[in-house]
Amino acid sequence: MPCLYCSSTNKFDKGLNLFVCSKCGLINVSRIMEIKPHTEVDRNLVELSLLCGEFELEKTEQIKRMFRSSYVALLKGNYTMSELAVAVVFLNNKSLNISKLGGFMGVKTRRAKTVVKRLQDVFNIDLVYSVEEAHEFCNTQGINANELITNIAKHMELTKEVLMSCIYLATDLSYGKVARMFHVSENTVWRHVKKLEEYI
């Protein structure tokens, strides 16, 4: 691909690990990420560090191990490190929005969901909340929806969509506040609340 500024030939610079124009010296990258101040970036886990830093998540040893293991487990899948980072962070933080994670890293949502599905099989992770996990989430957020969650859990799995619907129905929180809590749109909350109302 020619230089976007002067149309000269780009050459790969091994020191920078990027393509640089041979004439004007312009670095040819589609995007340059900026990290938040005081964010510690591990050079061996750059993509994971960037993602955790942006969303203010703790980069635990469990996440690091899973990230390294996912690379080995899916070696033949031709997945990028950014795709693996998005999938691993999502699997360890069920309430996050995979589209937002992917959007920050430049990963298509469909591709990220494919990696998540493959990693679920590798690590035996279920994206359904247990009653205890749902109660813990509510307690952390200072929400009293435990009774409704316990009753609903007897009849259906506690997915993220069911949990956010329970929280909306059991509290006086607005669609917007619940949406921000789960990193989804207000329309998504409204749609799933209506489905749960039909059931109960």
C-alpha atoms as a PDB file:
ATOM      1  CA  MET A   1       0.000   0.000   0.000  1.00  0.00           C
ATOM      2  CA  PRO A   2       1.468   3.419  -0.945  1.00  0.00           C
ATOM      3  CA  CYS A   3       1.976   6.278   1.512  1.00  0.00           C
ATOM      4  CA  LEU A   4      -1.249   8.189   2.149  1.00  0.00           C
ATOM      5  CA  TYR A   5       0.615  11.526   2.137  1.00  0.00           C
ATOM      6  CA  CYS A   6       3.018  11.387  -0.820  1.00  0.00           C
ATOM      7  CA  SER A   7       2.089   8.057  -2.519  1.00  0.00           C
ATOM      8  CA  SER A   8       5.660   6.738  -2.231  1.00  0.00           C
ATOM      9  CA  THR A   9       6.518   3.181  -1.243  1.00  0.00           C
ATOM     10  CA  ASN A  10       6.223   2.076   2.372  1.00  0.00           C
ATOM     11  CA  LYS A  11       8.945  -0.068   3.922  1.00  0.00           C
ATOM     12  CA  PHE A  12       8.679  -2.129   7.083  1.00  0.00           C
ATOM     13  CA  ASP A  13      10.757  -0.688   9.943  1.00  0.00           C
ATOM     14  CA  LYS A  14      11.781  -3.564  12.226  1.00  0.00           C
ATOM     15  CA  GLY A  15      12.685  -1.202  15.057  1.00  0.00           C
ATOM     16  CA  LEU A  16       9.234   0.355  15.135  1.00  0.00           C
ATOM     17  CA  ASN A  17       7.477  -2.815  13.955  1.00  0.00           C
ATOM     18  CA  LEU A  18       5.462  -0.585  11.580  1.00  0.00           C
ATOM     19  CA  PHE A  19       5.437   0.485   7.931  1.00  0.00           C
ATOM     20  CA  VAL A  20       7.194   3.811   7.237  1.00  0.00           C
ATOM     21  CA  CYS A  21       7.233   5.841   4.004  1.00  0.00           C
ATOM     22  CA  SER A  22      10.636   5.652   2.315  1.00  0.00           C
ATOM     23  CA  LYS A  23      10.370   9.269   1.095  1.00  0.00           C
ATOM     24  CA  CYS A  24       8.597  11.432   3.705  1.00  0.00           C
ATOM     25  CA  GLY A  25       8.977   9.180   6.778  1.00  0.00           C
ATOM     26  CA  LEU A  26       5.246   9.083   7.579  1.00  0.00           C
ATOM     27  CA  ILE A  27       4.360   6.117   9.812  1.00  0.00           C
ATOM     28  CA  ASN A  28       1.572   4.142   8.160  1.00  0.00           C
ATOM     29  CA  VAL A  29      -0.844   2.914  10.833  1.00  0.00           C
ATOM     30  CA  SER A  30      -4.620   2.765  10.801  1.00  0.00           C
ATOM     31  CA  ARG A  31      -4.870   3.892  14.435  1.00  0.00           C
ATOM     32  CA  ILE A  32      -2.659   4.842  17.374  1.00  0.00           C
ATOM     33  CA  MET A  33      -3.981   4.099  20.844  1.00  0.00           C
ATOM     34  CA  GLU A  34      -3.457   6.431  23.747  1.00  0.00           C
ATOM     35  CA  ILE A  35      -3.274   5.018  27.250  1.00  0.00           C
ATOM     36  CA  LYS A  36      -4.648   6.725  30.341  1.00  0.00           C
ATOM     37  CA  PRO A  37      -2.131   8.358  32.697  1.00  0.00           C
ATOM     38  CA  HIS A  38      -0.535   6.039  35.289  1.00  0.00           C
ATOM     39  CA  THR A  39      -1.573   2.918  33.338  1.00  0.00           C
ATOM     40  CA  GLU A  40       1.040   0.218  33.648  1.00  0.00           C
ATOM     41  CA  VAL A  41       1.573  -1.548  30.306  1.00  0.00           C
ATOM     42  CA  ASP A  42       3.220  -4.964  30.281  1.00  0.00           C
ATOM     43  CA  ARG A  43       5.131  -5.276  26.988  1.00  0.00           C
ATOM     44  CA  ASN A  44       4.277  -8.987  26.823  1.00  0.00           C
ATOM     45  CA  LEU A  45       0.567  -8.276  27.312  1.00  0.00           C
ATOM     46  CA  VAL A  46       0.128  -4.977  25.468  1.00  0.00           C
ATOM     47  CA  GLU A  47      -3.396  -5.567  24.130  1.00  0.00           C
ATOM     48  CA  LEU A  48      -4.652  -6.844  27.485  1.00  0.00           C
ATOM     49  CA  SER A  49      -3.016  -3.923  29.313  1.00  0.00           C
ATOM     50  CA  LEU A  50      -4.592  -1.369  26.954  1.00  0.00           C
ATOM     51  CA  LEU A  51      -8.059  -2.870  27.303  1.00  0.00           C
ATOM     52  CA  CYS A  52      -7.925  -3.211  31.107  1.00  0.00           C
ATOM     53  CA  GLY A  53      -6.512   0.317  31.427  1.00  0.00           C
ATOM     54  CA  GLU A  54      -9.244   1.849  29.252  1.00  0.00           C
ATOM     55  CA  PHE A  55     -12.102   0.188  31.127  1.00  0.00           C
ATOM     56  CA  GLU A  56     -10.406   0.538  34.555  1.00  0.00           C
ATOM     57  CA  LEU A  57     -10.316  -3.200  35.179  1.00  0.00           C
ATOM     58  CA  GLU A  58      -7.861  -4.996  37.402  1.00  0.00           C
ATOM     59  CA  LYS A  59      -5.436  -7.088  35.377  1.00  0.00           C
ATOM     60  CA  THR A  60      -5.500 -10.085  37.694  1.00  0.00           C
ATOM     61  CA  GLU A  61      -3.207 -13.096  37.477  1.00  0.00           C
ATOM     62  CA  GLN A  62      -6.214 -15.184  36.414  1.00  0.00           C
ATOM     63  CA  ILE A  63      -6.868 -12.898  33.408  1.00  0.00           C
ATOM     64  CA  LYS A  64      -3.175 -12.918  32.465  1.00  0.00           C
ATOM     65  CA  ARG A  65      -3.028 -16.718  32.629  1.00  0.00           C
ATOM     66  CA  MET A  66      -6.203 -17.071  30.608  1.00  0.00           C
ATOM     67  CA  PHE A  67      -4.895 -14.636  27.974  1.00  0.00           C
ATOM     68  CA  ARG A  68      -1.634 -16.561  27.586  1.00  0.00           C
ATOM     69  CA  SER A  69      -3.437 -19.916  27.537  1.00  0.00           C
ATOM     70  CA  SER A  70      -5.986 -18.698  24.987  1.00  0.00           C
ATOM     71  CA  TYR A  71      -3.174 -17.896  22.555  1.00  0.00           C
ATOM     72  CA  VAL A  72      -1.865 -21.449  22.835  1.00  0.00           C
ATOM     73  CA  ALA A  73      -5.329 -23.060  22.809  1.00  0.00           C
ATOM     74  CA  LEU A  74      -6.499 -21.212  19.694  1.00  0.00           C
ATOM     75  CA  LEU A  75      -3.168 -21.171  17.860  1.00  0.00           C
ATOM     76  CA  LYS A  76      -4.717 -22.561  14.665  1.00  0.00           C
ATOM     77  CA  GLY A  77      -7.659 -20.169  14.693  1.00  0.00           C
ATOM     78  CA  ASN A  78      -5.759 -17.192  13.200  1.00  0.00           C
ATOM     79  CA  TYR A  79      -7.054 -14.851  15.882  1.00  0.00           C
ATOM     80  CA  THR A  80      -5.284 -11.586  16.668  1.00  0.00           C
ATOM     81  CA  MET A  81      -4.060 -10.687  20.132  1.00  0.00           C
ATOM     82  CA  SER A  82      -6.670  -7.897  20.225  1.00  0.00           C
ATOM     83  CA  GLU A  83      -9.466 -10.403  19.568  1.00  0.00           C
ATOM     84  CA  LEU A  84      -8.155 -12.692  22.299  1.00  0.00           C
ATOM     85  CA  ALA A  85      -7.865  -9.774  24.748  1.00  0.00           C
ATOM     86  CA  VAL A  86     -11.483  -8.706  24.102  1.00  0.00           C
ATOM     87  CA  ALA A  87     -12.758 -12.269  24.568  1.00  0.00           C
ATOM     88  CA  VAL A  88     -10.763 -12.902  27.762  1.00  0.00           C
ATOM     89  CA  VAL A  89     -11.785  -9.603  29.381  1.00  0.00           C
ATOM     90  CA  PHE A  90     -15.435 -10.220  28.487  1.00  0.00           C
ATOM     91  CA  LEU A  91     -15.380 -13.758  29.904  1.00  0.00           C
ATOM     92  CA  ASN A  92     -13.998 -12.415  33.183  1.00  0.00           C
ATOM     93  CA  ASN A  93     -16.441  -9.466  33.379  1.00  0.00           C
ATOM     94  CA  LYS A  94     -19.895 -10.665  32.362  1.00  0.00           C
ATOM     95  CA  SER A  95     -21.557  -7.287  32.793  1.00  0.00           C
ATOM     96  CA  LEU A  96     -19.385  -5.565  30.155  1.00  0.00           C
ATOM     97  CA  ASN A  97     -20.597  -4.901  26.611  1.00  0.00           C
ATOM     98  CA  ILE A  98     -18.588  -6.946  24.105  1.00  0.00           C
ATOM     99  CA  SER A  99     -19.316  -4.398  21.352  1.00  0.00           C
ATOM    100  CA  LYS A 100     -17.729  -1.591  23.383  1.00  0.00           C
ATOM    101  CA  LEU A 101     -14.693  -3.718  24.214  1.00  0.00           C
ATOM    102  CA  GLY A 102     -14.322  -4.670  20.569  1.00  0.00           C
ATOM    103  CA  GLY A 103     -14.905  -1.115  19.383  1.00  0.00           C
ATOM    104  CA  PHE A 104     -12.012   0.167  21.492  1.00  0.00           C
ATOM    105  CA  MET A 105      -9.646  -2.513  20.157  1.00  0.00           C
ATOM    106  CA  GLY A 106     -10.893  -2.319  16.556  1.00  0.00           C
ATOM    107  CA  VAL A 107     -12.391  -5.824  16.679  1.00  0.00           C
ATOM    108  CA  LYS A 108     -15.690  -6.694  14.960  1.00  0.00           C
ATOM    109  CA  THR A 109     -18.381  -7.836  17.409  1.00  0.00           C
ATOM    110  CA  ARG A 110     -19.183 -10.959  15.381  1.00  0.00           C
ATOM    111  CA  ARG A 111     -15.519 -11.976  15.387  1.00  0.00           C
ATOM    112  CA  ALA A 112     -15.216 -11.315  19.151  1.00  0.00           C
ATOM    113  CA  LYS A 113     -18.303 -13.444  19.837  1.00  0.00           C
ATOM    114  CA  THR A 114     -16.773 -16.305  17.827  1.00  0.00           C
ATOM    115  CA  VAL A 115     -13.609 -16.181  19.962  1.00  0.00           C
ATOM    116  CA  VAL A 116     -15.700 -16.006  23.160  1.00  0.00           C
ATOM    117  CA  LYS A 117     -17.629 -19.101  22.111  1.00  0.00           C
ATOM    118  CA  ARG A 118     -14.436 -21.031  21.397  1.00  0.00           C
ATOM    119  CA  LEU A 119     -12.831 -19.960  24.669  1.00  0.00           C
ATOM    120  CA  GLN A 120     -15.950 -20.917  26.625  1.00  0.00           C
ATOM    121  CA  ASP A 121     -15.383 -24.490  25.454  1.00  0.00           C
ATOM    122  CA  VAL A 122     -11.651 -24.362  26.216  1.00  0.00           C
ATOM    123  CA  PHE A 123     -12.022 -22.968  29.751  1.00  0.00           C
ATOM    124  CA  ASN A 124     -15.475 -24.440  30.577  1.00  0.00           C
ATOM    125  CA  ILE A 125     -16.924 -20.997  31.337  1.00  0.00           C
ATOM    126  CA  ASP A 126     -20.655 -20.447  31.488  1.00  0.00           C
ATOM    127  CA  LEU A 127     -21.911 -16.899  30.873  1.00  0.00           C
ATOM    128  CA  VAL A 128     -24.955 -17.548  33.033  1.00  0.00           C
ATOM    129  CA  TYR A 129     -24.970 -16.015  36.510  1.00  0.00           C
ATOM    130  CA  SER A 130     -25.493 -18.232  39.513  1.00  0.00           C
ATOM    131  CA  VAL A 131     -27.986 -16.921  42.102  1.00  0.00           C
ATOM    132  CA  GLU A 132     -25.050 -16.143  44.415  1.00  0.00           C
ATOM    133  CA  GLU A 133     -23.199 -14.198  41.680  1.00  0.00           C
ATOM    134  CA  ALA A 134     -26.358 -12.230  40.865  1.00  0.00           C
ATOM    135  CA  HIS A 135     -26.905 -11.407  44.554  1.00  0.00           C
ATOM    136  CA  GLU A 136     -23.267 -10.364  44.901  1.00  0.00           C
ATOM    137  CA  PHE A 137     -23.594  -8.094  41.845  1.00  0.00           C
ATOM    138  CA  CYS A 138     -26.693  -6.452  43.345  1.00  0.00           C
ATOM    139  CA  ASN A 139     -25.046  -6.049  46.748  1.00  0.00           C
ATOM    140  CA  THR A 140     -22.003  -4.440  45.131  1.00  0.00           C
ATOM    141  CA  GLN A 141     -24.251  -1.982  43.280  1.00  0.00           C
ATOM    142  CA  GLY A 142     -26.348  -1.298  46.392  1.00  0.00           C
ATOM    143  CA  ILE A 143     -29.497  -2.705  44.787  1.00  0.00           C
ATOM    144  CA  ASN A 144     -32.240  -4.711  46.502  1.00  0.00           C
ATOM    145  CA  ALA A 145     -33.478  -7.145  43.822  1.00  0.00           C
ATOM    146  CA  ASN A 146     -32.478 -10.428  45.461  1.00  0.00           C
ATOM    147  CA  GLU A 147     -36.001 -11.709  46.089  1.00  0.00           C
ATOM    148  CA  LEU A 148     -37.104 -11.332  42.450  1.00  0.00           C
ATOM    149  CA  ILE A 149     -33.817 -12.793  41.187  1.00  0.00           C
ATOM    150  CA  THR A 150     -34.203 -15.849  43.438  1.00  0.00           C
ATOM    151  CA  ASN A 151     -37.776 -16.416  42.211  1.00  0.00           C
ATOM    152  CA  ILE A 152     -36.884 -15.975  38.529  1.00  0.00           C
ATOM    153  CA  ALA A 153     -33.854 -18.286  38.867  1.00  0.00           C
ATOM    154  CA  LYS A 154     -36.216 -21.154  39.740  1.00  0.00           C
ATOM    155  CA  HIS A 155     -37.750 -20.927  36.265  1.00  0.00           C
ATOM    156  CA  MET A 156     -34.998 -19.697  33.918  1.00  0.00           C
ATOM    157  CA  GLU A 157     -31.247 -19.164  33.598  1.00  0.00           C
ATOM    158  CA  LEU A 158     -29.887 -15.863  34.877  1.00  0.00           C
ATOM    159  CA  THR A 159     -28.328 -14.404  31.752  1.00  0.00           C
ATOM    160  CA  LYS A 160     -27.173 -10.791  31.699  1.00  0.00           C
ATOM    161  CA  GLU A 161     -30.424  -9.829  29.980  1.00  0.00           C
ATOM    162  CA  VAL A 162     -32.576 -11.550  32.619  1.00  0.00           C
ATOM    163  CA  LEU A 163     -30.531 -10.030  35.451  1.00  0.00           C
ATOM    164  CA  MET A 164     -30.813  -6.473  34.153  1.00  0.00           C
ATOM    165  CA  SER A 165     -34.562  -6.972  33.624  1.00  0.00           C
ATOM    166  CA  CYS A 166     -34.943  -8.189  37.227  1.00  0.00           C
ATOM    167  CA  ILE A 167     -33.037  -5.179  38.509  1.00  0.00           C
ATOM    168  CA  TYR A 168     -35.245  -2.787  36.525  1.00  0.00           C
ATOM    169  CA  LEU A 169     -38.475  -4.458  37.694  1.00  0.00           C
ATOM    170  CA  ALA A 170     -37.420  -4.708  41.359  1.00  0.00           C
ATOM    171  CA  THR A 171     -36.144  -1.138  41.731  1.00  0.00           C
ATOM    172  CA  ASP A 172     -37.128   2.391  40.754  1.00  0.00           C
ATOM    173  CA  LEU A 173     -34.051   2.780  38.520  1.00  0.00           C
ATOM    174  CA  SER A 174     -34.635   4.202  35.042  1.00  0.00           C
ATOM    175  CA  TYR A 175     -33.898   2.341  31.807  1.00  0.00           C
ATOM    176  CA  GLY A 176     -30.897   4.630  31.357  1.00  0.00           C
ATOM    177  CA  LYS A 177     -29.356   3.845  34.746  1.00  0.00           C
ATOM    178  CA  VAL A 178     -29.753   0.084  34.258  1.00  0.00           C
ATOM    179  CA  ALA A 179     -28.362   0.405  30.728  1.00  0.00           C
ATOM    180  CA  ARG A 180     -25.245   2.213  31.983  1.00  0.00           C
ATOM    181  CA  MET A 181     -24.784  -0.400  34.716  1.00  0.00           C
ATOM    182  CA  PHE A 182     -24.639  -3.188  32.104  1.00  0.00           C
ATOM    183  CA  HIS A 183     -23.009  -1.149  29.308  1.00  0.00           C
ATOM    184  CA  VAL A 184     -25.938  -1.649  26.908  1.00  0.00           C
ATOM    185  CA  SER A 185     -28.470   0.640  25.224  1.00  0.00           C
ATOM    186  CA  GLU A 186     -31.734   1.732  26.863  1.00  0.00           C
ATOM    187  CA  ASN A 187     -33.605   0.021  24.032  1.00  0.00           C
ATOM    188  CA  THR A 188     -31.929  -3.290  24.890  1.00  0.00           C
ATOM    189  CA  VAL A 189     -33.052  -3.002  28.527  1.00  0.00           C
ATOM    190  CA  TRP A 190     -36.605  -2.056  27.477  1.00  0.00           C
ATOM    191  CA  ARG A 191     -36.848  -4.987  25.037  1.00  0.00           C
ATOM    192  CA  HIS A 192     -35.724  -7.592  27.575  1.00  0.00           C
ATOM    193  CA  VAL A 193     -37.864  -6.135  30.374  1.00  0.00           C
ATOM    194  CA  LYS A 194     -40.929  -6.500  28.130  1.00  0.00           C
ATOM    195  CA  LYS A 195     -40.006 -10.147  27.435  1.00  0.00           C
ATOM    196  CA  LEU A 196     -39.621 -10.892  31.153  1.00  0.00           C
ATOM    197  CA  GLU A 197     -42.909  -9.108  31.975  1.00  0.00           C
ATOM    198  CA  GLU A 198     -44.680 -11.432  29.525  1.00  0.00           C
ATOM    199  CA  TYR A 199     -43.215 -14.419  31.346  1.00  0.00           C
ATOM    200  CA  ILE A 200     -44.051 -13.300  34.873  1.00  0.00           C
END
